[in-house]
Amino acid sequence: MCDTAVAVIAFIDEQRIWFKAKIGLELDEIPRDGSFCAHAILQSDVLIVPDPISDKRFMSSFLVKQIGIRFYAGMPLITADTHPLGTLAVMDRVPHLLTAEQIDALQIFARRIMYELELRRTREAPSRTGIHLAPSRQPPATILLVEDHSNLRDLLQRTLEGVGFSVFPAADGAEALRLCQHDDTVDLVVSDIVMPSLNGLQLSDRIRTARPEMKFLFITGFGDQFPELREYGANILEKPFLPSELLRKVEDILDQGKAATGTEG
């Protein structure tokens, strides 16, 4: 379909990428760290990496260094309740291009794969009503989500809202500050660190001047560049991460806040 040497259906967990189906690849699984799939599941559309050998995200990955992959295109496999499971991906050992028609075909096949998976799950477990990655809250907590990458922001918003959280999205720190100043219902700020105009650390300082009790979760791919965060004891979630990891982290922070104020239970 895409005229590539390799094609896989890949699923991801906390430690590994494993291949449900594969053509042109003998491996059954690879490490998650530095993998294409770990980044592709954070997209709402196809991730295309035309030259991974010069891309800092992937130049040290197993597939690039050990297998010689020089091209990657992957569509996230997303459930009906917006939880990414893995990717449908094509790869090659030489530089490659995809036409608009080939990208459309990848999108169609990804939807078909999810249809088949949902159909199988329904047949094998008819009594199940769905997968709940976090308990519902009454009343639901309100989260201010600050991320300048629109695709990732939309994905994280859908993930949080899918389990009952109320979410205010903001594209940068300045917009987040305006929202927080006009709304005192925010329980937690989930913010990227590296952003234009007002970064996550500056946003934290500004908000805590007025609301010192505000809880923060910083999401970043550059945590090693901000040692003061760990010294400060900040809550950090390193990119790339699974949506389930985000939900667990958010729940832990909110539960710690309830315990500290004596409102738990």
Foldseek 3Di string as FASTA:
>chain_A
DFPAQKKFFWFDDPFWIATPDMGNDDDGIAGPQLDPFLVQQLFQAKDWDQAQCPPPSHVPGCCCPPVQWGIKIWHFQAEPLLFTGTTTMGTHNDGGDGDPVRRVVRVVVSVVVNVVVVVVVCVVCVPDPDDALAAADVQAAEEEEEAQPVRSQVSLCSLQVSRRHHYDYDNHLVRSLVVCVVDVRHQEYEAEADDPPAGPVNSVVVNCVVPVVYAYEYEYQPVVVCVVCVVVVHHYDYPPDGSSVVNVSVVVRSVVVCVVVVNDD
